[in-house]
PDB file of N, CA and C in Angstrom:
ATOM      1  N   THR A   1      -5.771  -4.315  14.818  1.00  0.00           N
ATOM      2  CA  THR A   1      -6.869  -4.845  15.586  1.00  0.00           C
ATOM      3  C   THR A   1      -7.019  -6.356  15.397  1.00  0.00           C
ATOM      4  N   VAL A   2      -6.329  -6.967  14.459  1.00  0.00           N
ATOM      5  CA  VAL A   2      -6.417  -8.368  14.280  1.00  0.00           C
ATOM      6  C   VAL A   2      -5.432  -9.081  15.149  1.00  0.00           C
ATOM      7  N   ILE A   3      -4.235  -8.585  15.282  1.00  0.00           N
ATOM      8  CA  ILE A   3      -3.201  -9.240  16.067  1.00  0.00           C
ATOM      9  C   ILE A   3      -3.383  -8.889  17.543  1.00  0.00           C
ATOM     10  N   LYS A   4      -3.476  -9.870  18.364  1.00  0.00           N
ATOM     11  CA  LYS A   4      -3.788  -9.796  19.752  1.00  0.00           C
ATOM     12  C   LYS A   4      -2.443  -9.952  20.597  1.00  0.00           C
ATOM     13  N   LEU A   5      -1.575 -10.844  20.112  1.00  0.00           N
ATOM     14  CA  LEU A   5      -0.353 -11.101  20.930  1.00  0.00           C
ATOM     15  C   LEU A   5       0.850 -10.647  20.160  1.00  0.00           C
ATOM     16  N   GLU A   6       1.950 -10.356  20.835  1.00  0.00           N
ATOM     17  CA  GLU A   6       3.165  -9.983  20.240  1.00  0.00           C
ATOM     18  C   GLU A   6       3.766 -11.067  19.320  1.00  0.00           C
ATOM     19  N   GLY A   7       3.548 -12.314  19.758  1.00  0.00           N
ATOM     20  CA  GLY A   7       4.053 -13.409  18.907  1.00  0.00           C
ATOM     21  C   GLY A   7       3.417 -13.637  17.572  1.00  0.00           C
ATOM     22  N   GLN A   8       2.265 -13.015  17.420  1.00  0.00           N
ATOM     23  CA  GLN A   8       1.465 -13.083  16.157  1.00  0.00           C
ATOM     24  C   GLN A   8       2.023 -12.070  15.158  1.00  0.00           C
ATOM     25  N   ALA A   9       2.850 -11.177  15.572  1.00  0.00           N
ATOM     26  CA  ALA A   9       3.219 -10.026  14.643  1.00  0.00           C
ATOM     27  C   ALA A   9       3.968 -10.593  13.467  1.00  0.00           C
ATOM     28  N   HIS A  10       4.608 -11.705  13.531  1.00  0.00           N
ATOM     29  CA  HIS A  10       5.427 -12.216  12.476  1.00  0.00           C
ATOM     30  C   HIS A  10       4.523 -12.637  11.271  1.00  0.00           C
ATOM     31  N   THR A  11       3.266 -12.813  11.503  1.00  0.00           N
ATOM     32  CA  THR A  11       2.345 -13.111  10.371  1.00  0.00           C
ATOM     33  C   THR A  11       2.185 -12.013   9.433  1.00  0.00           C
ATOM     34  N   SER A  12       2.560 -10.837   9.740  1.00  0.00           N
ATOM     35  CA  SER A  12       2.413  -9.661   8.839  1.00  0.00           C
ATOM     36  C   SER A  12       3.306  -9.883   7.623  1.00  0.00           C
ATOM     37  N   TRP A  13       4.426 -10.704   7.718  1.00  0.00           N
ATOM     38  CA  TRP A  13       5.264 -10.970   6.556  1.00  0.00           C
ATOM     39  C   TRP A  13       4.490 -11.650   5.468  1.00  0.00           C
ATOM     40  N   ILE A  14       3.406 -12.319   5.820  1.00  0.00           N
ATOM     41  CA  ILE A  14       2.628 -13.004   4.763  1.00  0.00           C
ATOM     42  C   ILE A  14       2.010 -12.004   3.873  1.00  0.00           C
ATOM     43  N   PHE A  15       1.729 -10.772   4.402  1.00  0.00           N
ATOM     44  CA  PHE A  15       1.233  -9.710   3.536  1.00  0.00           C
ATOM     45  C   PHE A  15       2.217  -8.794   2.975  1.00  0.00           C
ATOM     46  N   ILE A  16       3.353  -8.534   3.696  1.00  0.00           N
ATOM     47  CA  ILE A  16       4.392  -7.553   3.388  1.00  0.00           C
ATOM     48  C   ILE A  16       5.189  -8.058   2.149  1.00  0.00           C
ATOM     49  N   VAL A  17       5.656  -9.249   2.142  1.00  0.00           N
ATOM     50  CA  VAL A  17       6.521  -9.754   1.058  1.00  0.00           C
ATOM     51  C   VAL A  17       5.833  -9.827  -0.270  1.00  0.00           C
ATOM     52  N   PRO A  18       4.636 -10.464  -0.388  1.00  0.00           N
ATOM     53  CA  PRO A  18       3.996 -10.322  -1.667  1.00  0.00           C
ATOM     54  C   PRO A  18       3.666  -8.885  -2.135  1.00  0.00           C
ATOM     55  N   MET A  19       3.381  -8.016  -1.224  1.00  0.00           N
ATOM     56  CA  MET A  19       3.155  -6.619  -1.594  1.00  0.00           C
ATOM     57  C   MET A  19       4.382  -5.942  -2.105  1.00  0.00           C
ATOM     58  N   ALA A  20       5.554  -6.247  -1.487  1.00  0.00           N
ATOM     59  CA  ALA A  20       6.800  -5.690  -1.954  1.00  0.00           C
ATOM     60  C   ALA A  20       7.139  -6.280  -3.311  1.00  0.00           C
ATOM     61  N   MET A  21       6.909  -7.518  -3.506  1.00  0.00           N
ATOM     62  CA  MET A  21       7.159  -8.161  -4.747  1.00  0.00           C
ATOM     63  C   MET A  21       6.428  -7.581  -5.928  1.00  0.00           C
ATOM     64  N   LEU A  22       5.139  -7.337  -5.669  1.00  0.00           N
ATOM     65  CA  LEU A  22       4.271  -6.773  -6.702  1.00  0.00           C
ATOM     66  C   LEU A  22       4.315  -5.262  -6.944  1.00  0.00           C
ATOM     67  N   SER A  23       4.792  -4.532  -5.898  1.00  0.00           N
ATOM     68  CA  SER A  23       4.740  -3.027  -5.901  1.00  0.00           C
ATOM     69  C   SER A  23       5.857  -2.405  -6.743  1.00  0.00           C
ATOM     70  N   GLY A  24       6.777  -3.122  -7.140  1.00  0.00           N
ATOM     71  CA  GLY A  24       7.925  -2.563  -7.929  1.00  0.00           C
ATOM     72  C   GLY A  24       9.041  -2.116  -7.067  1.00  0.00           C
ATOM     73  N   SER A  25       9.122  -2.540  -5.877  1.00  0.00           N
ATOM     74  CA  SER A  25      10.291  -2.136  -5.000  1.00  0.00           C
ATOM     75  C   SER A  25      11.522  -3.049  -5.344  1.00  0.00           C
ATOM     76  N   TRP A  26      11.290  -4.251  -5.826  1.00  0.00           N
ATOM     77  CA  TRP A  26      12.411  -5.139  -6.114  1.00  0.00           C
ATOM     78  C   TRP A  26      12.741  -5.160  -7.636  1.00  0.00           C
ATOM     79  N   PHE A  27      11.655  -5.074  -8.421  1.00  0.00           N
ATOM     80  CA  PHE A  27      11.802  -5.055  -9.898  1.00  0.00           C
ATOM     81  C   PHE A  27      10.682  -4.330 -10.488  1.00  0.00           C
ATOM     82  N   SER A  28      10.819  -3.767 -11.704  1.00  0.00           N
ATOM     83  CA  SER A  28       9.796  -2.954 -12.313  1.00  0.00           C
ATOM     84  C   SER A  28       8.544  -3.743 -12.587  1.00  0.00           C
ATOM     85  N   THR A  29       7.411  -3.067 -12.466  1.00  0.00           N
ATOM     86  CA  THR A  29       6.126  -3.677 -12.743  1.00  0.00           C
ATOM     87  C   THR A  29       5.858  -3.618 -14.233  1.00  0.00           C
ATOM     88  N   ALA A  30       6.646  -2.874 -15.028  1.00  0.00           N
ATOM     89  CA  ALA A  30       6.394  -2.795 -16.420  1.00  0.00           C
ATOM     90  C   ALA A  30       6.603  -4.165 -17.178  1.00  0.00           C
ATOM     91  N   GLY A  31       7.415  -5.019 -16.603  1.00  0.00           N
ATOM     92  CA  GLY A  31       7.695  -6.305 -17.269  1.00  0.00           C
ATOM     93  C   GLY A  31       6.723  -7.344 -16.804  1.00  0.00           C
ATOM     94  N   MET A  32       5.795  -7.057 -15.989  1.00  0.00           N
ATOM     95  CA  MET A  32       4.778  -7.986 -15.481  1.00  0.00           C
ATOM     96  C   MET A  32       3.647  -8.166 -16.497  1.00  0.00           C
ATOM     97  N   PRO A  33       3.048  -9.351 -16.534  1.00  0.00           N
ATOM     98  CA  PRO A  33       1.829  -9.464 -17.419  1.00  0.00           C
ATOM     99  C   PRO A  33       0.727  -8.485 -16.921  1.00  0.00           C
ATOM    100  N   PRO A  34      -0.109  -8.118 -17.797  1.00  0.00           N
ATOM    101  CA  PRO A  34      -1.158  -7.119 -17.477  1.00  0.00           C
ATOM    102  C   PRO A  34      -2.050  -7.500 -16.298  1.00  0.00           C
ATOM    103  N   VAL A  35      -2.307  -8.748 -16.102  1.00  0.00           N
ATOM    104  CA  VAL A  35      -3.062  -9.246 -14.905  1.00  0.00           C
ATOM    105  C   VAL A  35      -2.322  -8.913 -13.637  1.00  0.00           C
ATOM    106  N   MET A  36      -1.059  -9.170 -13.605  1.00  0.00           N
ATOM    107  CA  MET A  36      -0.247  -8.952 -12.397  1.00  0.00           C
ATOM    108  C   MET A  36      -0.072  -7.363 -12.117  1.00  0.00           C
ATOM    109  N   GLN A  37      -0.024  -6.594 -13.253  1.00  0.00           N
ATOM    110  CA  GLN A  37       0.056  -5.183 -13.076  1.00  0.00           C
ATOM    111  C   GLN A  37      -1.280  -4.636 -12.452  1.00  0.00           C
ATOM    112  N   GLY A  38      -2.437  -5.220 -12.819  1.00  0.00           N
ATOM    113  CA  GLY A  38      -3.715  -4.881 -12.251  1.00  0.00           C
ATOM    114  C   GLY A  38      -3.761  -5.195 -10.763  1.00  0.00           C
ATOM    115  N   ILE A  39      -3.262  -6.387 -10.420  1.00  0.00           N
ATOM    116  CA  ILE A  39      -3.192  -6.787  -9.004  1.00  0.00           C
ATOM    117  C   ILE A  39      -2.310  -5.821  -8.267  1.00  0.00           C
ATOM    118  N   ALA A  40      -1.118  -5.428  -8.827  1.00  0.00           N
ATOM    119  CA  ALA A  40      -0.160  -4.559  -8.187  1.00  0.00           C
ATOM    120  C   ALA A  40      -0.790  -3.275  -7.815  1.00  0.00           C
ATOM    121  N   LYS A  41      -1.765  -2.761  -8.670  1.00  0.00           N
ATOM    122  CA  LYS A  41      -2.347  -1.478  -8.410  1.00  0.00           C
ATOM    123  C   LYS A  41      -3.378  -1.605  -7.258  1.00  0.00           C
ATOM    124  N   ALA A  42      -3.657  -2.718  -6.727  1.00  0.00           N
ATOM    125  CA  ALA A  42      -4.477  -2.762  -5.557  1.00  0.00           C
ATOM    126  C   ALA A  42      -3.738  -2.486  -4.271  1.00  0.00           C
ATOM    127  N   PHE A  43      -2.403  -2.427  -4.376  1.00  0.00           N
ATOM    128  CA  PHE A  43      -1.548  -2.125  -3.188  1.00  0.00           C
ATOM    129  C   PHE A  43      -0.973  -0.756  -3.217  1.00  0.00           C
ATOM    130  N   PRO A  44      -1.078  -0.033  -2.043  1.00  0.00           N
ATOM    131  CA  PRO A  44      -0.578   1.282  -1.953  1.00  0.00           C
ATOM    132  C   PRO A  44       0.891   1.487  -2.335  1.00  0.00           C
ATOM    133  N   PRO A  45       1.824   0.586  -1.882  1.00  0.00           N
ATOM    134  CA  PRO A  45       3.219   0.867  -2.239  1.00  0.00           C
ATOM    135  C   PRO A  45       3.490   1.034  -3.702  1.00  0.00           C
ATOM    136  N   THR A  46       2.724   0.465  -4.584  1.00  0.00           N
ATOM    137  CA  THR A  46       2.884   0.613  -6.017  1.00  0.00           C
ATOM    138  C   THR A  46       2.921   2.097  -6.379  1.00  0.00           C
ATOM    139  N   PHE A  47       1.987   2.839  -5.820  1.00  0.00           N
ATOM    140  CA  PHE A  47       1.824   4.251  -6.157  1.00  0.00           C
ATOM    141  C   PHE A  47       2.884   5.102  -5.426  1.00  0.00           C
ATOM    142  N   ALA A  48       3.258   4.690  -4.218  1.00  0.00           N
ATOM    143  CA  ALA A  48       4.284   5.389  -3.468  1.00  0.00           C
ATOM    144  C   ALA A  48       5.637   5.228  -4.132  1.00  0.00           C
ATOM    145  N   ILE A  49       5.960   4.049  -4.650  1.00  0.00           N
ATOM    146  CA  ILE A  49       7.215   3.846  -5.317  1.00  0.00           C
ATOM    147  C   ILE A  49       7.250   4.573  -6.630  1.00  0.00           C
ATOM    148  N   SER A  50       6.163   4.500  -7.397  1.00  0.00           N
ATOM    149  CA  SER A  50       6.066   5.272  -8.630  1.00  0.00           C
ATOM    150  C   SER A  50       6.326   6.708  -8.428  1.00  0.00           C
ATOM    151  N   ALA A  51       5.661   7.263  -7.453  1.00  0.00           N
ATOM    152  CA  ALA A  51       5.816   8.692  -7.194  1.00  0.00           C
ATOM    153  C   ALA A  51       7.275   9.093  -6.704  1.00  0.00           C
ATOM    154  N   SER A  52       7.851   8.240  -5.900  1.00  0.00           N
ATOM    155  CA  SER A  52       9.119   8.575  -5.450  1.00  0.00           C
ATOM    156  C   SER A  52      10.201   8.418  -6.450  1.00  0.00           C
ATOM    157  N   GLN A  53      10.019   7.443  -7.387  1.00  0.00           N
ATOM    158  CA  GLN A  53      10.901   7.319  -8.543  1.00  0.00           C
ATOM    159  C   GLN A  53      10.719   8.524  -9.431  1.00  0.00           C
ATOM    160  N   ASP A  54       9.594   9.029  -9.717  1.00  0.00           N
ATOM    161  CA  ASP A  54       9.424  10.214 -10.499  1.00  0.00           C
ATOM    162  C   ASP A  54      10.100  11.465  -9.909  1.00  0.00           C
ATOM    163  N   VAL A  55      10.050  11.637  -8.608  1.00  0.00           N
ATOM    164  CA  VAL A  55      10.678  12.780  -7.988  1.00  0.00           C
ATOM    165  C   VAL A  55      12.133  12.589  -7.867  1.00  0.00           C
ATOM    166  N   VAL A  56      12.556  11.529  -7.322  1.00  0.00           N
ATOM    167  CA  VAL A  56      14.021  11.412  -7.064  1.00  0.00           C
ATOM    168  C   VAL A  56      14.865  11.044  -8.349  1.00  0.00           C
ATOM    169  N   SER A  57      14.346  10.103  -9.184  1.00  0.00           N
ATOM    170  CA  SER A  57      15.127   9.689 -10.236  1.00  0.00           C
ATOM    171  C   SER A  57      14.949  10.594 -11.532  1.00  0.00           C
ATOM    172  N   ARG A  58      13.698  11.057 -11.677  1.00  0.00           N
ATOM    173  CA  ARG A  58      13.393  11.818 -12.893  1.00  0.00           C
ATOM    174  C   ARG A  58      13.355  13.321 -12.696  1.00  0.00           C
ATOM    175  N   GLY A  59      13.401  13.783 -11.396  1.00  0.00           N
ATOM    176  CA  GLY A  59      13.386  15.219 -11.090  1.00  0.00           C
ATOM    177  C   GLY A  59      12.014  15.847 -11.383  1.00  0.00           C
ATOM    178  N   LEU A  60      10.920  15.132 -11.373  1.00  0.00           N
ATOM    179  CA  LEU A  60       9.624  15.786 -11.726  1.00  0.00           C
ATOM    180  C   LEU A  60       9.071  16.365 -10.374  1.00  0.00           C
ATOM    181  N   GLY A  61       8.106  17.258 -10.660  1.00  0.00           N
ATOM    182  CA  GLY A  61       7.462  17.945  -9.610  1.00  0.00           C
ATOM    183  C   GLY A  61       6.133  17.328  -9.182  1.00  0.00           C
ATOM    184  N   PHE A  62       5.415  18.094  -8.289  1.00  0.00           N
ATOM    185  CA  PHE A  62       4.172  17.541  -7.775  1.00  0.00           C
ATOM    186  C   PHE A  62       3.081  17.283  -8.824  1.00  0.00           C
ATOM    187  N   SER A  63       3.048  18.106  -9.883  1.00  0.00           N
ATOM    188  CA  SER A  63       2.042  17.933 -10.861  1.00  0.00           C
ATOM    189  C   SER A  63       2.168  16.544 -11.520  1.00  0.00           C
ATOM    190  N   ALA A  64       3.418  16.029 -11.610  1.00  0.00           N
ATOM    191  CA  ALA A  64       3.576  14.660 -12.206  1.00  0.00           C
ATOM    192  C   ALA A  64       3.134  13.508 -11.318  1.00  0.00           C
ATOM    193  N   ILE A  65       3.195  13.782 -10.030  1.00  0.00           N
ATOM    194  CA  ILE A  65       2.803  12.783  -9.052  1.00  0.00           C
ATOM    195  C   ILE A  65       1.523  12.941  -8.301  1.00  0.00           C
ATOM    196  N   ALA A  66       0.796  14.032  -8.781  1.00  0.00           N
ATOM    197  CA  ALA A  66      -0.466  14.375  -8.145  1.00  0.00           C
ATOM    198  C   ALA A  66      -1.422  13.190  -8.149  1.00  0.00           C
ATOM    199  N   THR A  67      -1.572  12.433  -9.222  1.00  0.00           N
ATOM    200  CA  THR A  67      -2.497  11.322  -9.262  1.00  0.00           C
ATOM    201  C   THR A  67      -2.090  10.260  -8.252  1.00  0.00           C
ATOM    202  N   ASP A  68      -0.794   9.925  -8.182  1.00  0.00           N
ATOM    203  CA  ASP A  68      -0.339   8.983  -7.226  1.00  0.00           C
ATOM    204  C   ASP A  68      -0.590   9.465  -5.865  1.00  0.00           C
ATOM    205  N   PHE A  69      -0.360  10.672  -5.553  1.00  0.00           N
ATOM    206  CA  PHE A  69      -0.582  11.274  -4.280  1.00  0.00           C
ATOM    207  C   PHE A  69      -2.057  11.178  -3.887  1.00  0.00           C
ATOM    208  N   TYR A  70      -2.932  11.577  -4.687  1.00  0.00           N
ATOM    209  CA  TYR A  70      -4.367  11.507  -4.367  1.00  0.00           C
ATOM    210  C   TYR A  70      -4.839  10.005  -4.209  1.00  0.00           C
ATOM    211  N   ILE A  71      -4.280   9.101  -4.976  1.00  0.00           N
ATOM    212  CA  ILE A  71      -4.662   7.697  -4.776  1.00  0.00           C
ATOM    213  C   ILE A  71      -4.199   7.205  -3.381  1.00  0.00           C
ATOM    214  N   LEU A  72      -2.991   7.578  -3.004  1.00  0.00           N
ATOM    215  CA  LEU A  72      -2.423   7.210  -1.690  1.00  0.00           C
ATOM    216  C   LEU A  72      -3.241   7.901  -0.645  1.00  0.00           C
ATOM    217  N   LEU A  73      -3.656   9.154  -0.754  1.00  0.00           N
ATOM    218  CA  LEU A  73      -4.490   9.788   0.194  1.00  0.00           C
ATOM    219  C   LEU A  73      -5.844   9.088   0.282  1.00  0.00           C
ATOM    220  N   GLY A  74      -6.361   8.575  -0.810  1.00  0.00           N
ATOM    221  CA  GLY A  74      -7.635   7.842  -0.719  1.00  0.00           C
ATOM    222  C   GLY A  74      -7.463   6.520   0.011  1.00  0.00           C
ATOM    223  N   PHE A  75      -6.285   5.834  -0.303  1.00  0.00           N
ATOM    224  CA  PHE A  75      -6.075   4.588   0.515  1.00  0.00           C
ATOM    225  C   PHE A  75      -5.997   4.886   2.003  1.00  0.00           C
ATOM    226  N   ALA A  76      -5.200   6.004   2.312  1.00  0.00           N
ATOM    227  CA  ALA A  76      -5.047   6.340   3.732  1.00  0.00           C
ATOM    228  C   ALA A  76      -6.376   6.702   4.435  1.00  0.00           C
ATOM    229  N   VAL A  77      -7.260   7.429   3.850  1.00  0.00           N
ATOM    230  CA  VAL A  77      -8.522   7.780   4.382  1.00  0.00           C
ATOM    231  C   VAL A  77      -9.422   6.484   4.470  1.00  0.00           C
ATOM    232  N   GLY A  78      -9.428   5.759   3.439  1.00  0.00           N
ATOM    233  CA  GLY A  78     -10.220   4.460   3.452  1.00  0.00           C
ATOM    234  C   GLY A  78      -9.743   3.508   4.529  1.00  0.00           C
ATOM    235  N   LEU A  79      -8.475   3.267   4.585  1.00  0.00           N
ATOM    236  CA  LEU A  79      -7.975   2.328   5.612  1.00  0.00           C
ATOM    237  C   LEU A  79      -8.153   2.913   7.019  1.00  0.00           C
ATOM    238  N   PHE A  80      -8.044   4.190   7.201  1.00  0.00           N
ATOM    239  CA  PHE A  80      -8.236   4.819   8.464  1.00  0.00           C
ATOM    240  C   PHE A  80      -9.757   4.619   8.871  1.00  0.00           C
ATOM    241  N   ALA A  81     -10.689   4.790   7.967  1.00  0.00           N
ATOM    242  CA  ALA A  81     -12.128   4.512   8.266  1.00  0.00           C
ATOM    243  C   ALA A  81     -12.329   3.145   8.693  1.00  0.00           C
ATOM    244  N   ILE A  82     -11.740   2.147   7.966  1.00  0.00           N
ATOM    245  CA  ILE A  82     -11.888   0.762   8.345  1.00  0.00           C
ATOM    246  C   ILE A  82     -11.356   0.516   9.674  1.00  0.00           C
ATOM    247  N   ALA A  83     -10.162   1.037  10.037  1.00  0.00           N
ATOM    248  CA  ALA A  83      -9.498   0.798  11.264  1.00  0.00           C
ATOM    249  C   ALA A  83     -10.475   1.415  12.385  1.00  0.00           C
ATOM    250  N   VAL A  84     -11.059   2.529  12.199  1.00  0.00           N
ATOM    251  CA  VAL A  84     -11.888   3.138  13.196  1.00  0.00           C
ATOM    252  C   VAL A  84     -13.136   2.192  13.488  1.00  0.00           C
ATOM    253  N   ILE A  85     -13.666   1.697  12.413  1.00  0.00           N
ATOM    254  CA  ILE A  85     -14.815   0.854  12.572  1.00  0.00           C
ATOM    255  C   ILE A  85     -14.449  -0.436  13.305  1.00  0.00           C
ATOM    256  N   LEU A  86     -13.295  -1.047  12.874  1.00  0.00           N
ATOM    257  CA  LEU A  86     -12.862  -2.235  13.511  1.00  0.00           C
ATOM    258  C   LEU A  86     -12.487  -2.032  15.111  1.00  0.00           C
ATOM    259  N   PHE A  87     -11.874  -0.909  15.225  1.00  0.00           N
ATOM    260  CA  PHE A  87     -11.478  -0.571  16.660  1.00  0.00           C
ATOM    261  C   PHE A  87     -12.770  -0.349  17.567  1.00  0.00           C
ATOM    262  N   ARG A  88     -13.686   0.343  16.989  1.00  0.00           N
ATOM    263  CA  ARG A  88     -14.984   0.572  17.721  1.00  0.00           C
ATOM    264  C   ARG A  88     -15.606  -0.738  18.058  1.00  0.00           C
ATOM    265  N   ARG A  89     -15.633  -1.598  16.990  1.00  0.00           N
ATOM    266  CA  ARG A  89     -16.226  -2.942  17.169  1.00  0.00           C
ATOM    267  C   ARG A  89     -15.516  -3.740  18.231  1.00  0.00           C
ATOM    268  N   MET A  90     -14.178  -3.594  18.262  1.00  0.00           N
ATOM    269  CA  MET A  90     -13.435  -4.409  19.254  1.00  0.00           C
ATOM    270  C   MET A  90     -13.646  -3.877  20.650  1.00  0.00           C
ATOM    271  N   ILE A  91     -13.861  -2.550  20.777  1.00  0.00           N
ATOM    272  CA  ILE A  91     -14.037  -1.930  22.076  1.00  0.00           C
ATOM    273  C   ILE A  91     -15.436  -2.346  22.581  1.00  0.00           C
ATOM    274  N   THR A  92     -16.404  -2.336  21.737  1.00  0.00           N
ATOM    275  CA  THR A  92     -17.848  -2.632  22.213  1.00  0.00           C
ATOM    276  C   THR A  92     -18.018  -4.104  22.536  1.00  0.00           C
ATOM    277  N   VAL A  93     -17.155  -4.988  21.966  1.00  0.00           N
ATOM    278  CA  VAL A  93     -17.243  -6.363  22.324  1.00  0.00           C
ATOM    279  C   VAL A  93     -16.816  -6.671  23.735  1.00  0.00           C
ATOM    280  N   ARG A  94     -15.853  -5.953  24.196  1.00  0.00           N
ATOM    281  CA  ARG A  94     -15.406  -6.163  25.569  1.00  0.00           C
ATOM    282  C   ARG A  94     -16.319  -5.634  26.570  1.00  0.00           C
TER     283      ARG A  94
END
């Protein structure tokens, strides 16, 4: 709802790259200072990467990733609700 033109889409990299750096996709979050680990937990990919590593690399089941799954579900529901509100606001402005 924020990006109006196709040419503005490249600005999403401003958010994607720091999120990837902090989420553990390039290097482990275990070596980060505690403050950075706290910031990393504000991003959904941190939980998705943790869950996928537990399943693929460690062979764990759903019970091991249930917390990550429910956190991701909460992010999805919350962001969807925000998107609906912003979309409705955008439609009513026109």
